[in-house]
Amino acid sequence: VTGASFFVFSGALKSSSGYLAKSSIVEDGVMVQITAENMDALRQALREMKDFTITCGKVDAEDPQELVHIQWVEDDKNFSKG
């Protein structure tokens, strides 16, 4: 589990790269490179406020190397008050 101050999602990963998705730590955040098709699915999930999982690693890998899981939680109205 990795905590981050921000996330960057890039839809510029080419299908021919051999990767499902790639993630990397950038300063105090995380950058996730995904295909354009996956970016469309991510946008739709965010609009509908649905959880979304991105599998990172090589296409031909037996086990996924990493999972980026976007999860909606209950609204905490007491966060950062004042």
C-alpha atoms as a PDB file:
ATOM      1  CA  VAL A   1       0.000   0.000   0.000  1.00  0.00           C
ATOM      2  CA  THR A   2       1.385   3.396  -1.002  1.00  0.00           C
ATOM      3  CA  GLY A   3       0.013   6.750   0.124  1.00  0.00           C
ATOM      4  CA  ALA A   4       0.469   9.717  -2.179  1.00  0.00           C
ATOM      5  CA  SER A   5      -0.218  13.441  -2.182  1.00  0.00           C
ATOM      6  CA  PHE A   6      -1.413  13.310  -5.775  1.00  0.00           C
ATOM      7  CA  PHE A   7      -2.014  10.969  -8.712  1.00  0.00           C
ATOM      8  CA  VAL A   8      -1.351  11.616 -12.393  1.00  0.00           C
ATOM      9  CA  PHE A   9      -3.095   9.404 -14.933  1.00  0.00           C
ATOM     10  CA  SER A  10      -1.656   9.483 -18.445  1.00  0.00           C
ATOM     11  CA  GLY A  11      -3.551   7.851 -21.296  1.00  0.00           C
ATOM     12  CA  ALA A  12      -0.560   7.915 -23.658  1.00  0.00           C
ATOM     13  CA  LEU A  13       0.683   4.331 -23.138  1.00  0.00           C
ATOM     14  CA  LYS A  14       0.711   2.492 -26.473  1.00  0.00           C
ATOM     15  CA  SER A  15      -0.742  -1.013 -26.675  1.00  0.00           C
ATOM     16  CA  SER A  16       2.410  -2.044 -28.548  1.00  0.00           C
ATOM     17  CA  SER A  17       4.575  -1.216 -25.497  1.00  0.00           C
ATOM     18  CA  GLY A  18       4.037  -4.679 -24.042  1.00  0.00           C
ATOM     19  CA  TYR A  19       2.606  -3.285 -20.795  1.00  0.00           C
ATOM     20  CA  LEU A  20      -0.924  -3.337 -19.415  1.00  0.00           C
ATOM     21  CA  ALA A  21      -0.053  -0.186 -17.444  1.00  0.00           C
ATOM     22  CA  LYS A  22       2.990   1.318 -15.727  1.00  0.00           C
ATOM     23  CA  SER A  23       3.190   3.093 -12.392  1.00  0.00           C
ATOM     24  CA  SER A  24       6.007   5.144 -10.921  1.00  0.00           C
ATOM     25  CA  ILE A  25       6.609   7.388  -7.938  1.00  0.00           C
ATOM     26  CA  VAL A  26       7.009  11.054  -8.888  1.00  0.00           C
ATOM     27  CA  GLU A  27       8.134  13.326  -6.046  1.00  0.00           C
ATOM     28  CA  ASP A  28       5.434  12.703  -3.386  1.00  0.00           C
ATOM     29  CA  GLY A  29       2.840  11.381  -5.820  1.00  0.00           C
ATOM     30  CA  VAL A  30       2.209   8.520  -8.204  1.00  0.00           C
ATOM     31  CA  MET A  31       2.044   8.567 -11.996  1.00  0.00           C
ATOM     32  CA  VAL A  32       0.074   5.807 -13.735  1.00  0.00           C
ATOM     33  CA  GLN A  33       0.475   5.374 -17.495  1.00  0.00           C
ATOM     34  CA  ILE A  34      -2.451   3.573 -19.107  1.00  0.00           C
ATOM     35  CA  THR A  35      -3.774   2.986 -22.623  1.00  0.00           C
ATOM     36  CA  ALA A  36      -6.329   5.322 -24.176  1.00  0.00           C
ATOM     37  CA  GLU A  37      -8.989   2.604 -23.860  1.00  0.00           C
ATOM     38  CA  ASN A  38      -8.274   2.206 -20.150  1.00  0.00           C
ATOM     39  CA  MET A  39      -8.377   6.010 -19.736  1.00  0.00           C
ATOM     40  CA  ASP A  40     -11.880   6.066 -21.236  1.00  0.00           C
ATOM     41  CA  ALA A  41     -12.972   3.344 -18.800  1.00  0.00           C
ATOM     42  CA  LEU A  42     -11.375   5.248 -15.881  1.00  0.00           C
ATOM     43  CA  ARG A  43     -13.177   8.463 -16.812  1.00  0.00           C
ATOM     44  CA  GLN A  44     -16.497   6.620 -16.998  1.00  0.00           C
ATOM     45  CA  ALA A  45     -15.906   4.990 -13.585  1.00  0.00           C
ATOM     46  CA  LEU A  46     -15.086   8.388 -12.035  1.00  0.00           C
ATOM     47  CA  ARG A  47     -18.237   9.953 -13.512  1.00  0.00           C
ATOM     48  CA  GLU A  48     -20.327   7.114 -12.106  1.00  0.00           C
ATOM     49  CA  MET A  49     -18.416   7.153  -8.781  1.00  0.00           C
ATOM     50  CA  LYS A  50     -17.523   3.466  -9.124  1.00  0.00           C
ATOM     51  CA  ASP A  51     -14.393   1.698  -7.884  1.00  0.00           C
ATOM     52  CA  PHE A  52     -11.788   1.002 -10.568  1.00  0.00           C
ATOM     53  CA  THR A  53      -8.709  -1.222 -10.653  1.00  0.00           C
ATOM     54  CA  ILE A  54      -5.734  -0.823 -12.987  1.00  0.00           C
ATOM     55  CA  THR A  55      -3.444  -3.825 -13.396  1.00  0.00           C
ATOM     56  CA  CYS A  56       0.176  -2.804 -13.972  1.00  0.00           C
ATOM     57  CA  GLY A  57       2.934  -4.903 -15.478  1.00  0.00           C
ATOM     58  CA  LYS A  58       3.851  -6.719 -18.658  1.00  0.00           C
ATOM     59  CA  VAL A  59       1.076  -8.118 -20.834  1.00  0.00           C
ATOM     60  CA  ASP A  60       2.584 -11.624 -20.796  1.00  0.00           C
ATOM     61  CA  ALA A  61       3.335 -11.733 -17.041  1.00  0.00           C
ATOM     62  CA  GLU A  62       1.719 -14.601 -15.143  1.00  0.00           C
ATOM     63  CA  ASP A  63       0.981 -12.518 -12.033  1.00  0.00           C
ATOM     64  CA  PRO A  64       0.257  -8.791 -12.001  1.00  0.00           C
ATOM     65  CA  GLN A  65       3.166  -6.802 -10.602  1.00  0.00           C
ATOM     66  CA  GLU A  66       1.001  -4.060  -9.086  1.00  0.00           C
ATOM     67  CA  LEU A  67      -2.612  -3.018  -8.784  1.00  0.00           C
ATOM     68  CA  VAL A  68      -3.778   0.594  -8.610  1.00  0.00           C
ATOM     69  CA  HIS A  69      -7.182   0.482  -6.954  1.00  0.00           C
ATOM     70  CA  ILE A  70      -9.356   3.606  -6.917  1.00  0.00           C
ATOM     71  CA  GLN A  71     -11.939   3.192  -4.205  1.00  0.00           C
ATOM     72  CA  TRP A  72     -14.798   5.488  -3.245  1.00  0.00           C
ATOM     73  CA  VAL A  73     -15.331   5.843   0.489  1.00  0.00           C
ATOM     74  CA  GLU A  74     -17.895   7.587   2.661  1.00  0.00           C
ATOM     75  CA  ASP A  75     -17.657  11.369   2.732  1.00  0.00           C
ATOM     76  CA  ASP A  76     -15.711  12.590   5.773  1.00  0.00           C
ATOM     77  CA  LYS A  77     -16.954  16.129   6.360  1.00  0.00           C
ATOM     78  CA  ASN A  78     -14.602  16.679   9.295  1.00  0.00           C
ATOM     79  CA  PHE A  79     -11.487  16.391   7.124  1.00  0.00           C
ATOM     80  CA  SER A  80      -9.342  19.557   6.879  1.00  0.00           C
ATOM     81  CA  LYS A  81     -11.885  21.667   8.777  1.00  0.00           C
ATOM     82  CA  GLY A  82     -10.754  25.204   9.455  1.00  0.00           C
END
